[in-house]
């Protein structure tokens, strides 16, 4: 319902007006005076109620039933077809006897005025390797160091700790099992990426998992000579995502978002060391206890056959 600012009656007020006349027995002049409308208006709503019942008291559309100047439906269909072929307003106007302003109005009404709305939906990019160790996803997240609880917790942006630096969280996740590992490094250079990879491989080796290939984005640390030499020495094949296509490494991207929500920003930390200490406990919870939707709501560790569960689950 879209009433103008000077409207005296709403559908509820019209029903009250009719009730005062038909039920309470007021004269039409008295009911109109009580509602603050003219006698002619009171007669109008009383007539509509008698002809249509309660539905007659609802607002009607002011749109005319016919319009001799409206664009013919056949022309409208051609405009939409031309737009779906990714033609501009001017190109459509050159092919059809329609003004660009009319084309803009028709396309806005159809929801096709933006080029982004014409692009087909991207196909699902879901894949999963058959067993643990066939692919390791790697990614890095940059987090500001903590001098005191920040604005995400306190809501106060007036106090900032400038110049205290950054922590770089190097994350790894197995494609098949979704078992994750993370370590905090002082930067995102090739040496740090190599050190983080070695720590991750040692962790997975304790679970009996050895990797064949790794998947990373095109960051400088993953293109460095040190990182390439390490992969050659370990016999790992290096796969890279397509530029500007983070969904190719979607499992690592999702792990980054989950770690931010459930670890980095989950509570108020007094300092960066306290946050770093909480990473190990959170990773243990993620791997051993947290249900994973893509695994049938089982924890990731359920997909890795372990010989010594009690020795590892500490």
C-alpha atoms as a PDB file:
ATOM      1  CA  UNK A   1       0.000   0.000   0.000  1.00  0.00           C
ATOM      2  CA  UNK A   2       1.399   3.370  -1.055  1.00  0.00           C
ATOM      3  CA  UNK A   3      -0.642   6.203   0.488  1.00  0.00           C
ATOM      4  CA  UNK A   4       0.202   9.836  -0.155  1.00  0.00           C
ATOM      5  CA  UNK A   5       1.044  12.077   2.787  1.00  0.00           C
ATOM      6  CA  UNK A   6      -2.351  13.842   2.816  1.00  0.00           C
ATOM      7  CA  UNK A   7      -4.484  10.675   2.767  1.00  0.00           C
ATOM      8  CA  UNK A   8      -7.322  10.785   5.280  1.00  0.00           C
ATOM      9  CA  UNK A   9      -8.427   7.174   5.003  1.00  0.00           C
ATOM     10  CA  UNK A  10      -6.591   3.872   5.041  1.00  0.00           C
ATOM     11  CA  UNK A  11      -8.389   0.571   4.297  1.00  0.00           C
ATOM     12  CA  UNK A  12      -8.951   0.240   8.044  1.00  0.00           C
ATOM     13  CA  UNK A  13     -10.375   3.777   8.194  1.00  0.00           C
ATOM     14  CA  UNK A  14     -12.693   3.061   5.261  1.00  0.00           C
ATOM     15  CA  UNK A  15     -13.966  -0.069   7.006  1.00  0.00           C
ATOM     16  CA  UNK A  16     -14.608   2.020  10.144  1.00  0.00           C
ATOM     17  CA  UNK A  17     -16.483   4.595   8.051  1.00  0.00           C
ATOM     18  CA  UNK A  18     -18.735   1.907   6.558  1.00  0.00           C
ATOM     19  CA  UNK A  19     -19.253   0.312   9.977  1.00  0.00           C
ATOM     20  CA  UNK A  20     -20.424   3.605  11.479  1.00  0.00           C
ATOM     21  CA  UNK A  21     -23.020   3.924   8.711  1.00  0.00           C
ATOM     22  CA  UNK A  22     -24.287   0.356   8.420  1.00  0.00           C
ATOM     23  CA  UNK A  23     -23.809  -0.971  11.964  1.00  0.00           C
ATOM     24  CA  UNK A  24     -23.856   2.020  14.318  1.00  0.00           C
ATOM     25  CA  UNK A  25     -26.595   3.771  12.334  1.00  0.00           C
ATOM     26  CA  UNK A  26     -24.913   7.154  11.810  1.00  0.00           C
ATOM     27  CA  UNK A  27     -26.064   9.303   8.919  1.00  0.00           C
ATOM     28  CA  UNK A  28     -23.591   9.516   6.051  1.00  0.00           C
ATOM     29  CA  UNK A  29     -22.971  13.195   6.816  1.00  0.00           C
ATOM     30  CA  UNK A  30     -22.140  12.402  10.456  1.00  0.00           C
ATOM     31  CA  UNK A  31     -19.814   9.504   9.560  1.00  0.00           C
ATOM     32  CA  UNK A  32     -18.041  11.640   6.957  1.00  0.00           C
ATOM     33  CA  UNK A  33     -17.547  14.452   9.483  1.00  0.00           C
ATOM     34  CA  UNK A  34     -16.155  11.980  12.054  1.00  0.00           C
ATOM     35  CA  UNK A  35     -13.695  10.581   9.500  1.00  0.00           C
ATOM     36  CA  UNK A  36     -12.664  14.036   8.270  1.00  0.00           C
ATOM     37  CA  UNK A  37     -13.688  13.424   4.655  1.00  0.00           C
ATOM     38  CA  UNK A  38     -16.333  14.820   2.329  1.00  0.00           C
ATOM     39  CA  UNK A  39     -19.824  13.398   2.055  1.00  0.00           C
ATOM     40  CA  UNK A  40     -19.080  12.499  -1.563  1.00  0.00           C
ATOM     41  CA  UNK A  41     -16.092  10.398  -0.438  1.00  0.00           C
ATOM     42  CA  UNK A  42     -18.223   8.616   2.156  1.00  0.00           C
ATOM     43  CA  UNK A  43     -20.849   7.781  -0.520  1.00  0.00           C
ATOM     44  CA  UNK A  44     -18.049   6.433  -2.775  1.00  0.00           C
ATOM     45  CA  UNK A  45     -16.676   3.972  -0.208  1.00  0.00           C
ATOM     46  CA  UNK A  46     -20.168   2.914   0.891  1.00  0.00           C
ATOM     47  CA  UNK A  47     -21.067   2.119  -2.731  1.00  0.00           C
ATOM     48  CA  UNK A  48     -17.886   0.140  -3.272  1.00  0.00           C
ATOM     49  CA  UNK A  49     -18.495  -1.870  -0.102  1.00  0.00           C
ATOM     50  CA  UNK A  50     -22.042  -2.719  -1.151  1.00  0.00           C
ATOM     51  CA  UNK A  51     -20.859  -3.806  -4.622  1.00  0.00           C
ATOM     52  CA  UNK A  52     -17.625  -5.647  -3.787  1.00  0.00           C
ATOM     53  CA  UNK A  53     -17.625  -6.252  -0.049  1.00  0.00           C
ATOM     54  CA  UNK A  54     -14.422  -5.745   2.033  1.00  0.00           C
ATOM     55  CA  UNK A  55     -12.291  -6.109  -1.119  1.00  0.00           C
ATOM     56  CA  UNK A  56     -13.791  -2.894  -2.431  1.00  0.00           C
ATOM     57  CA  UNK A  57     -12.143  -0.907   0.380  1.00  0.00           C
ATOM     58  CA  UNK A  58      -8.620  -1.745  -0.824  1.00  0.00           C
ATOM     59  CA  UNK A  59      -6.650   0.686  -2.990  1.00  0.00           C
ATOM     60  CA  UNK A  60      -6.946   0.218  -6.728  1.00  0.00           C
ATOM     61  CA  UNK A  61      -4.158   0.679  -9.222  1.00  0.00           C
ATOM     62  CA  UNK A  62      -4.152   4.040 -10.967  1.00  0.00           C
ATOM     63  CA  UNK A  63      -2.525   2.523 -14.028  1.00  0.00           C
ATOM     64  CA  UNK A  64      -4.744   2.896 -17.117  1.00  0.00           C
ATOM     65  CA  UNK A  65      -6.158  -0.318 -18.576  1.00  0.00           C
ATOM     66  CA  UNK A  66      -5.061   0.672 -22.063  1.00  0.00           C
ATOM     67  CA  UNK A  67      -2.403   3.056 -23.356  1.00  0.00           C
ATOM     68  CA  UNK A  68      -2.376   3.914 -27.078  1.00  0.00           C
ATOM     69  CA  UNK A  69       1.264   5.042 -26.883  1.00  0.00           C
ATOM     70  CA  UNK A  70       2.647   1.925 -25.159  1.00  0.00           C
ATOM     71  CA  UNK A  71       5.424   0.001 -26.881  1.00  0.00           C
ATOM     72  CA  UNK A  72       3.905  -3.016 -28.667  1.00  0.00           C
ATOM     73  CA  UNK A  73       4.640  -6.356 -26.957  1.00  0.00           C
ATOM     74  CA  UNK A  74       6.362  -7.657 -30.092  1.00  0.00           C
ATOM     75  CA  UNK A  75       8.829  -4.734 -30.022  1.00  0.00           C
ATOM     76  CA  UNK A  76       9.420  -5.247 -26.285  1.00  0.00           C
ATOM     77  CA  UNK A  77      10.285  -8.902 -26.915  1.00  0.00           C
ATOM     78  CA  UNK A  78      12.746  -7.885 -29.637  1.00  0.00           C
ATOM     79  CA  UNK A  79      14.385  -5.335 -27.322  1.00  0.00           C
ATOM     80  CA  UNK A  80      14.892  -7.978 -24.633  1.00  0.00           C
ATOM     81  CA  UNK A  81      16.234 -10.464 -27.160  1.00  0.00           C
ATOM     82  CA  UNK A  82      18.729  -7.908 -28.487  1.00  0.00           C
ATOM     83  CA  UNK A  83      19.837  -7.091 -24.944  1.00  0.00           C
ATOM     84  CA  UNK A  84      20.399 -10.751 -24.114  1.00  0.00           C
ATOM     85  CA  UNK A  85      22.738 -10.772 -27.096  1.00  0.00           C
ATOM     86  CA  UNK A  86      24.773  -8.167 -25.149  1.00  0.00           C
ATOM     87  CA  UNK A  87      23.970  -5.214 -27.410  1.00  0.00           C
ATOM     88  CA  UNK A  88      24.076  -1.679 -26.023  1.00  0.00           C
ATOM     89  CA  UNK A  89      21.140   0.742 -25.890  1.00  0.00           C
ATOM     90  CA  UNK A  90      22.369   2.614 -28.954  1.00  0.00           C
ATOM     91  CA  UNK A  91      22.902  -0.568 -30.956  1.00  0.00           C
ATOM     92  CA  UNK A  92      19.368  -1.705 -30.118  1.00  0.00           C
ATOM     93  CA  UNK A  93      17.960   1.718 -31.095  1.00  0.00           C
ATOM     94  CA  UNK A  94      19.716   1.477 -34.481  1.00  0.00           C
ATOM     95  CA  UNK A  95      18.027  -1.864 -35.191  1.00  0.00           C
ATOM     96  CA  UNK A  96      14.549  -1.141 -33.797  1.00  0.00           C
ATOM     97  CA  UNK A  97      12.211   1.885 -33.999  1.00  0.00           C
ATOM     98  CA  UNK A  98      12.542   2.615 -30.268  1.00  0.00           C
ATOM     99  CA  UNK A  99      14.185   5.568 -28.511  1.00  0.00           C
ATOM    100  CA  UNK A 100      17.165   4.852 -26.187  1.00  0.00           C
ATOM    101  CA  UNK A 101      15.197   6.269 -23.234  1.00  0.00           C
ATOM    102  CA  UNK A 102      12.378   3.811 -23.893  1.00  0.00           C
ATOM    103  CA  UNK A 103      14.880   0.970 -24.220  1.00  0.00           C
ATOM    104  CA  UNK A 104      16.399   1.932 -20.870  1.00  0.00           C
ATOM    105  CA  UNK A 105      12.978   1.916 -19.208  1.00  0.00           C
ATOM    106  CA  UNK A 106      12.030  -1.453 -20.673  1.00  0.00           C
ATOM    107  CA  UNK A 107      15.323  -3.071 -19.707  1.00  0.00           C
ATOM    108  CA  UNK A 108      15.208  -1.675 -16.175  1.00  0.00           C
ATOM    109  CA  UNK A 109      11.708  -3.066 -15.759  1.00  0.00           C
ATOM    110  CA  UNK A 110      12.925  -6.474 -16.975  1.00  0.00           C
ATOM    111  CA  UNK A 111      16.049  -6.371 -14.772  1.00  0.00           C
ATOM    112  CA  UNK A 112      18.443  -6.421 -17.746  1.00  0.00           C
ATOM    113  CA  UNK A 113      19.827  -2.879 -17.556  1.00  0.00           C
ATOM    114  CA  UNK A 114      23.199  -4.010 -16.124  1.00  0.00           C
ATOM    115  CA  UNK A 115      25.630  -6.055 -18.174  1.00  0.00           C
ATOM    116  CA  UNK A 116      26.510  -8.114 -15.101  1.00  0.00           C
ATOM    117  CA  UNK A 117      22.934  -9.367 -14.997  1.00  0.00           C
ATOM    118  CA  UNK A 118      23.298 -10.772 -18.509  1.00  0.00           C
ATOM    119  CA  UNK A 119      26.218 -13.041 -17.726  1.00  0.00           C
ATOM    120  CA  UNK A 120      25.261 -16.675 -17.151  1.00  0.00           C
ATOM    121  CA  UNK A 121      25.870 -18.141 -13.716  1.00  0.00           C
ATOM    122  CA  UNK A 122      29.290 -19.685 -13.293  1.00  0.00           C
ATOM    123  CA  UNK A 123      29.253 -23.491 -13.332  1.00  0.00           C
ATOM    124  CA  UNK A 124      29.881 -25.258 -10.077  1.00  0.00           C
ATOM    125  CA  UNK A 125      33.567 -25.901  -9.541  1.00  0.00           C
ATOM    126  CA  UNK A 126      33.349 -28.840  -7.156  1.00  0.00           C
ATOM    127  CA  UNK A 127      35.939 -31.554  -7.194  1.00  0.00           C
ATOM    128  CA  UNK A 128      37.515 -33.895  -4.696  1.00  0.00           C
ATOM    129  CA  UNK A 129      40.534 -36.163  -4.951  1.00  0.00           C
ATOM    130  CA  UNK A 130      39.961 -39.819  -4.210  1.00  0.00           C
ATOM    131  CA  UNK A 131      42.271 -40.199  -1.197  1.00  0.00           C
ATOM    132  CA  UNK A 132      44.220 -38.125   1.348  1.00  0.00           C
ATOM    133  CA  UNK A 133      47.579 -36.807   0.177  1.00  0.00           C
ATOM    134  CA  UNK A 134      46.783 -36.327  -3.485  1.00  0.00           C
ATOM    135  CA  UNK A 135      46.419 -32.532  -3.199  1.00  0.00           C
ATOM    136  CA  UNK A 136      47.318 -29.968  -0.542  1.00  0.00           C
ATOM    137  CA  UNK A 137      45.741 -26.507  -0.751  1.00  0.00           C
ATOM    138  CA  UNK A 138      47.847 -23.590   0.543  1.00  0.00           C
ATOM    139  CA  UNK A 139      46.892 -19.997   1.301  1.00  0.00           C
ATOM    140  CA  UNK A 140      48.010 -17.031   3.428  1.00  0.00           C
ATOM    141  CA  UNK A 141      46.013 -14.558   5.507  1.00  0.00           C
ATOM    142  CA  UNK A 142      47.470 -11.289   6.792  1.00  0.00           C
ATOM    143  CA  UNK A 143      46.351 -10.227  10.280  1.00  0.00           C
ATOM    144  CA  UNK A 144      47.294  -7.104  12.187  1.00  0.00           C
ATOM    145  CA  UNK A 145      49.155  -7.702  15.427  1.00  0.00           C
ATOM    146  CA  UNK A 146      47.301  -6.995  18.654  1.00  0.00           C
ATOM    147  CA  UNK A 147      48.399  -4.398  21.180  1.00  0.00           C
ATOM    148  CA  UNK A 148      45.049  -4.453  22.980  1.00  0.00           C
ATOM    149  CA  UNK A 149      41.489  -5.578  22.105  1.00  0.00           C
ATOM    150  CA  UNK A 150      40.493  -3.842  18.864  1.00  0.00           C
ATOM    151  CA  UNK A 151      37.383  -2.217  17.461  1.00  0.00           C
ATOM    152  CA  UNK A 152      35.865  -5.545  16.376  1.00  0.00           C
ATOM    153  CA  UNK A 153      35.415  -6.312  20.077  1.00  0.00           C
ATOM    154  CA  UNK A 154      35.164  -2.914  21.771  1.00  0.00           C
ATOM    155  CA  UNK A 155      33.431  -1.008  18.956  1.00  0.00           C
ATOM    156  CA  UNK A 156      35.782   1.926  19.597  1.00  0.00           C
ATOM    157  CA  UNK A 157      37.863   3.014  16.605  1.00  0.00           C
ATOM    158  CA  UNK A 158      39.472   5.993  18.342  1.00  0.00           C
ATOM    159  CA  UNK A 159      42.350   3.968  19.843  1.00  0.00           C
ATOM    160  CA  UNK A 160      44.715   2.390  17.342  1.00  0.00           C
ATOM    161  CA  UNK A 161      48.087   0.738  17.657  1.00  0.00           C
ATOM    162  CA  UNK A 162      50.067   1.903  14.660  1.00  0.00           C
ATOM    163  CA  UNK A 163      53.321   0.411  13.486  1.00  0.00           C
ATOM    164  CA  UNK A 164      53.170  -2.833  15.471  1.00  0.00           C
ATOM    165  CA  UNK A 165      53.232  -4.932  12.305  1.00  0.00           C
ATOM    166  CA  UNK A 166      51.457  -7.945  10.914  1.00  0.00           C
ATOM    167  CA  UNK A 167      51.157 -11.674  11.441  1.00  0.00           C
ATOM    168  CA  UNK A 168      50.921 -13.946   8.399  1.00  0.00           C
ATOM    169  CA  UNK A 169      48.873 -17.092   8.851  1.00  0.00           C
ATOM    170  CA  UNK A 170      49.999 -19.814   6.438  1.00  0.00           C
ATOM    171  CA  UNK A 171      47.156 -22.314   6.125  1.00  0.00           C
ATOM    172  CA  UNK A 172      47.064 -25.765   4.530  1.00  0.00           C
ATOM    173  CA  UNK A 173      44.169 -28.160   3.980  1.00  0.00           C
ATOM    174  CA  UNK A 174      44.033 -31.660   2.501  1.00  0.00           C
ATOM    175  CA  UNK A 175      41.644 -31.830  -0.458  1.00  0.00           C
ATOM    176  CA  UNK A 176      40.069 -35.206   0.365  1.00  0.00           C
ATOM    177  CA  UNK A 177      39.813 -35.178   4.150  1.00  0.00           C
ATOM    178  CA  UNK A 178      39.745 -31.389   4.865  1.00  0.00           C
ATOM    179  CA  UNK A 179      42.229 -31.895   7.693  1.00  0.00           C
ATOM    180  CA  UNK A 180      43.831 -28.487   8.177  1.00  0.00           C
ATOM    181  CA  UNK A 181      47.078 -27.084   9.503  1.00  0.00           C
ATOM    182  CA  UNK A 182      48.304 -23.561  10.125  1.00  0.00           C
ATOM    183  CA  UNK A 183      51.391 -21.725  11.274  1.00  0.00           C
ATOM    184  CA  UNK A 184      52.196 -18.081  11.928  1.00  0.00           C
ATOM    185  CA  UNK A 185      55.141 -16.535  10.081  1.00  0.00           C
ATOM    186  CA  UNK A 186      56.620 -13.011  10.211  1.00  0.00           C
ATOM    187  CA  UNK A 187      56.092 -12.381   6.477  1.00  0.00           C
ATOM    188  CA  UNK A 188      54.867 -13.903   3.224  1.00  0.00           C
ATOM    189  CA  UNK A 189      58.201 -14.332   1.477  1.00  0.00           C
ATOM    190  CA  UNK A 190      59.453 -17.497  -0.145  1.00  0.00           C
ATOM    191  CA  UNK A 191      61.451 -18.497   2.925  1.00  0.00           C
ATOM    192  CA  UNK A 192      58.376 -18.247   5.166  1.00  0.00           C
ATOM    193  CA  UNK A 193      56.202 -20.114   2.679  1.00  0.00           C
ATOM    194  CA  UNK A 194      58.824 -22.890   2.481  1.00  0.00           C
ATOM    195  CA  UNK A 195      59.098 -23.119   6.264  1.00  0.00           C
ATOM    196  CA  UNK A 196      55.307 -23.250   6.618  1.00  0.00           C
ATOM    197  CA  UNK A 197      55.069 -25.989   3.996  1.00  0.00           C
ATOM    198  CA  UNK A 198      57.664 -28.124   5.797  1.00  0.00           C
ATOM    199  CA  UNK A 199      55.776 -27.748   9.090  1.00  0.00           C
ATOM    200  CA  UNK A 200      52.539 -28.742   7.398  1.00  0.00           C
ATOM    201  CA  UNK A 201      54.091 -31.804   5.760  1.00  0.00           C
ATOM    202  CA  UNK A 202      55.545 -32.933   9.113  1.00  0.00           C
ATOM    203  CA  UNK A 203      52.110 -32.647  10.707  1.00  0.00           C
ATOM    204  CA  UNK A 204      50.411 -34.668   7.981  1.00  0.00           C
ATOM    205  CA  UNK A 205      53.200 -37.248   8.063  1.00  0.00           C
ATOM    206  CA  UNK A 206      52.264 -37.938  11.693  1.00  0.00           C
ATOM    207  CA  UNK A 207      48.811 -38.848  10.394  1.00  0.00           C
ATOM    208  CA  UNK A 208      50.286 -41.159   7.786  1.00  0.00           C
ATOM    209  CA  UNK A 209      49.581 -38.807   4.873  1.00  0.00           C
ATOM    210  CA  UNK A 210      52.184 -37.999   2.204  1.00  0.00           C
ATOM    211  CA  UNK A 211      51.398 -35.544  -0.546  1.00  0.00           C
ATOM    212  CA  UNK A 212      51.844 -35.704  -4.300  1.00  0.00           C
ATOM    213  CA  UNK A 213      50.982 -32.138  -5.329  1.00  0.00           C
ATOM    214  CA  UNK A 214      50.210 -28.697  -3.877  1.00  0.00           C
ATOM    215  CA  UNK A 215      47.820 -26.010  -5.124  1.00  0.00           C
ATOM    216  CA  UNK A 216      48.514 -22.311  -4.517  1.00  0.00           C
ATOM    217  CA  UNK A 217      47.584 -18.941  -5.930  1.00  0.00           C
ATOM    218  CA  UNK A 218      50.050 -16.834  -7.914  1.00  0.00           C
ATOM    219  CA  UNK A 219      51.521 -14.971  -4.968  1.00  0.00           C
ATOM    220  CA  UNK A 220      55.176 -13.917  -5.132  1.00  0.00           C
ATOM    221  CA  UNK A 221      56.210 -16.303  -2.352  1.00  0.00           C
ATOM    222  CA  UNK A 222      54.823 -19.290  -4.266  1.00  0.00           C
ATOM    223  CA  UNK A 223      56.653 -18.194  -7.435  1.00  0.00           C
ATOM    224  CA  UNK A 224      59.963 -17.680  -5.655  1.00  0.00           C
ATOM    225  CA  UNK A 225      63.027 -19.772  -6.485  1.00  0.00           C
ATOM    226  CA  UNK A 226      63.323 -21.014  -2.897  1.00  0.00           C
ATOM    227  CA  UNK A 227      59.776 -22.391  -2.896  1.00  0.00           C
ATOM    228  CA  UNK A 228      60.271 -23.999  -6.329  1.00  0.00           C
ATOM    229  CA  UNK A 229      63.528 -25.637  -5.214  1.00  0.00           C
ATOM    230  CA  UNK A 230      61.825 -27.030  -2.129  1.00  0.00           C
ATOM    231  CA  UNK A 231      59.044 -28.559  -4.199  1.00  0.00           C
ATOM    232  CA  UNK A 232      61.561 -30.183  -6.549  1.00  0.00           C
ATOM    233  CA  UNK A 233      63.506 -31.579  -3.597  1.00  0.00           C
ATOM    234  CA  UNK A 234      60.319 -33.001  -2.063  1.00  0.00           C
ATOM    235  CA  UNK A 235      59.080 -34.367  -5.373  1.00  0.00           C
ATOM    236  CA  UNK A 236      55.838 -32.372  -5.221  1.00  0.00           C
ATOM    237  CA  UNK A 237      54.022 -31.164  -8.308  1.00  0.00           C
ATOM    238  CA  UNK A 238      53.049 -27.487  -8.156  1.00  0.00           C
ATOM    239  CA  UNK A 239      49.596 -26.449  -9.417  1.00  0.00           C
ATOM    240  CA  UNK A 240      48.517 -22.793  -9.569  1.00  0.00           C
ATOM    241  CA  UNK A 241      45.082 -21.230  -9.735  1.00  0.00           C
ATOM    242  CA  UNK A 242      43.982 -19.182 -12.699  1.00  0.00           C
ATOM    243  CA  UNK A 243      44.592 -15.430 -12.183  1.00  0.00           C
ATOM    244  CA  UNK A 244      41.685 -13.600 -10.519  1.00  0.00           C
ATOM    245  CA  UNK A 245      39.854 -16.893  -9.945  1.00  0.00           C
ATOM    246  CA  UNK A 246      40.029 -17.594  -6.186  1.00  0.00           C
ATOM    247  CA  UNK A 247      37.243 -20.188  -6.407  1.00  0.00           C
ATOM    248  CA  UNK A 248      39.779 -22.540  -8.005  1.00  0.00           C
ATOM    249  CA  UNK A 249      41.347 -22.780  -4.545  1.00  0.00           C
ATOM    250  CA  UNK A 250      37.973 -22.710  -2.837  1.00  0.00           C
ATOM    251  CA  UNK A 251      38.750 -25.124   0.009  1.00  0.00           C
ATOM    252  CA  UNK A 252      41.638 -22.949   1.188  1.00  0.00           C
ATOM    253  CA  UNK A 253      39.561 -19.776   0.797  1.00  0.00           C
ATOM    254  CA  UNK A 254      36.801 -21.291   2.911  1.00  0.00           C
ATOM    255  CA  UNK A 255      39.321 -22.357   5.544  1.00  0.00           C
ATOM    256  CA  UNK A 256      40.576 -18.772   5.731  1.00  0.00           C
ATOM    257  CA  UNK A 257      37.054 -17.439   6.346  1.00  0.00           C
ATOM    258  CA  UNK A 258      36.289 -20.122   8.908  1.00  0.00           C
ATOM    259  CA  UNK A 259      39.524 -19.465  10.801  1.00  0.00           C
ATOM    260  CA  UNK A 260      38.786 -15.740  10.933  1.00  0.00           C
ATOM    261  CA  UNK A 261      35.268 -16.298  12.217  1.00  0.00           C
ATOM    262  CA  UNK A 262      35.979 -19.073  14.718  1.00  0.00           C
ATOM    263  CA  UNK A 263      39.527 -18.258  15.824  1.00  0.00           C
ATOM    264  CA  UNK A 264      41.010 -14.857  14.942  1.00  0.00           C
ATOM    265  CA  UNK A 265      37.868 -12.800  15.638  1.00  0.00           C
ATOM    266  CA  UNK A 266      36.052 -15.240  17.908  1.00  0.00           C
ATOM    267  CA  UNK A 267      37.125 -13.629  21.195  1.00  0.00           C
ATOM    268  CA  UNK A 268      38.978 -10.642  22.661  1.00  0.00           C
ATOM    269  CA  UNK A 269      42.706 -11.327  22.776  1.00  0.00           C
ATOM    270  CA  UNK A 270      44.990  -9.233  24.954  1.00  0.00           C
ATOM    271  CA  UNK A 271      47.915  -9.541  22.548  1.00  0.00           C
ATOM    272  CA  UNK A 272      49.130 -11.364  19.449  1.00  0.00           C
ATOM    273  CA  UNK A 273      50.838 -14.084  21.484  1.00  0.00           C
ATOM    274  CA  UNK A 274      47.563 -15.049  23.104  1.00  0.00           C
ATOM    275  CA  UNK A 275      45.917 -15.294  19.700  1.00  0.00           C
ATOM    276  CA  UNK A 276      48.795 -17.406  18.372  1.00  0.00           C
ATOM    277  CA  UNK A 277      48.515 -19.796  21.318  1.00  0.00           C
ATOM    278  CA  UNK A 278      44.816 -20.292  20.577  1.00  0.00           C
ATOM    279  CA  UNK A 279      45.509 -21.373  16.989  1.00  0.00           C
ATOM    280  CA  UNK A 280      46.727 -24.855  17.964  1.00  0.00           C
ATOM    281  CA  UNK A 281      43.633 -25.575  20.064  1.00  0.00           C
ATOM    282  CA  UNK A 282      41.313 -24.316  17.358  1.00  0.00           C
ATOM    283  CA  UNK A 283      42.982 -26.456  14.681  1.00  0.00           C
ATOM    284  CA  UNK A 284      42.653 -29.512  16.939  1.00  0.00           C
ATOM    285  CA  UNK A 285      38.946 -28.765  17.370  1.00  0.00           C
ATOM    286  CA  UNK A 286      38.542 -28.195  13.618  1.00  0.00           C
ATOM    287  CA  UNK A 287      40.200 -31.473  12.669  1.00  0.00           C
ATOM    288  CA  UNK A 288      38.947 -33.788  15.410  1.00  0.00           C
ATOM    289  CA  UNK A 289      35.613 -32.471  16.665  1.00  0.00           C
ATOM    290  CA  UNK A 290      34.027 -29.862  14.392  1.00  0.00           C
ATOM    291  CA  UNK A 291      31.383 -31.359  12.045  1.00  0.00           C
ATOM    292  CA  UNK A 292      31.999 -30.575   8.376  1.00  0.00           C
ATOM    293  CA  UNK A 293      28.944 -30.188   6.131  1.00  0.00           C
ATOM    294  CA  UNK A 294      30.628 -31.570   3.004  1.00  0.00           C
ATOM    295  CA  UNK A 295      31.658 -34.689   4.954  1.00  0.00           C
ATOM    296  CA  UNK A 296      28.183 -35.587   6.129  1.00  0.00           C
ATOM    297  CA  UNK A 297      28.694 -33.541   9.313  1.00  0.00           C
ATOM    298  CA  UNK A 298      31.608 -35.674  10.433  1.00  0.00           C
ATOM    299  CA  UNK A 299      34.986 -34.234  11.511  1.00  0.00           C
ATOM    300  CA  UNK A 300      37.758 -34.186   8.878  1.00  0.00           C
ATOM    301  CA  UNK A 301      39.885 -36.716  10.779  1.00  0.00           C
ATOM    302  CA  UNK A 302      37.194 -39.340  10.105  1.00  0.00           C
ATOM    303  CA  UNK A 303      38.469 -39.574   6.523  1.00  0.00           C
ATOM    304  CA  UNK A 304      42.020 -40.517   7.500  1.00  0.00           C
ATOM    305  CA  UNK A 305      42.687 -44.114   8.622  1.00  0.00           C
ATOM    306  CA  UNK A 306      44.812 -43.902  11.779  1.00  0.00           C
ATOM    307  CA  UNK A 307      46.793 -46.681  13.444  1.00  0.00           C
ATOM    308  CA  UNK A 308      47.390 -44.866  16.720  1.00  0.00           C
ATOM    309  CA  UNK A 309      44.411 -42.656  17.392  1.00  0.00           C
ATOM    310  CA  UNK A 310      44.966 -42.336  21.143  1.00  0.00           C
ATOM    311  CA  UNK A 311      48.567 -41.288  20.679  1.00  0.00           C
ATOM    312  CA  UNK A 312      47.658 -38.526  18.260  1.00  0.00           C
ATOM    313  CA  UNK A 313      44.440 -37.325  19.885  1.00  0.00           C
ATOM    314  CA  UNK A 314      45.911 -35.474  22.824  1.00  0.00           C
END
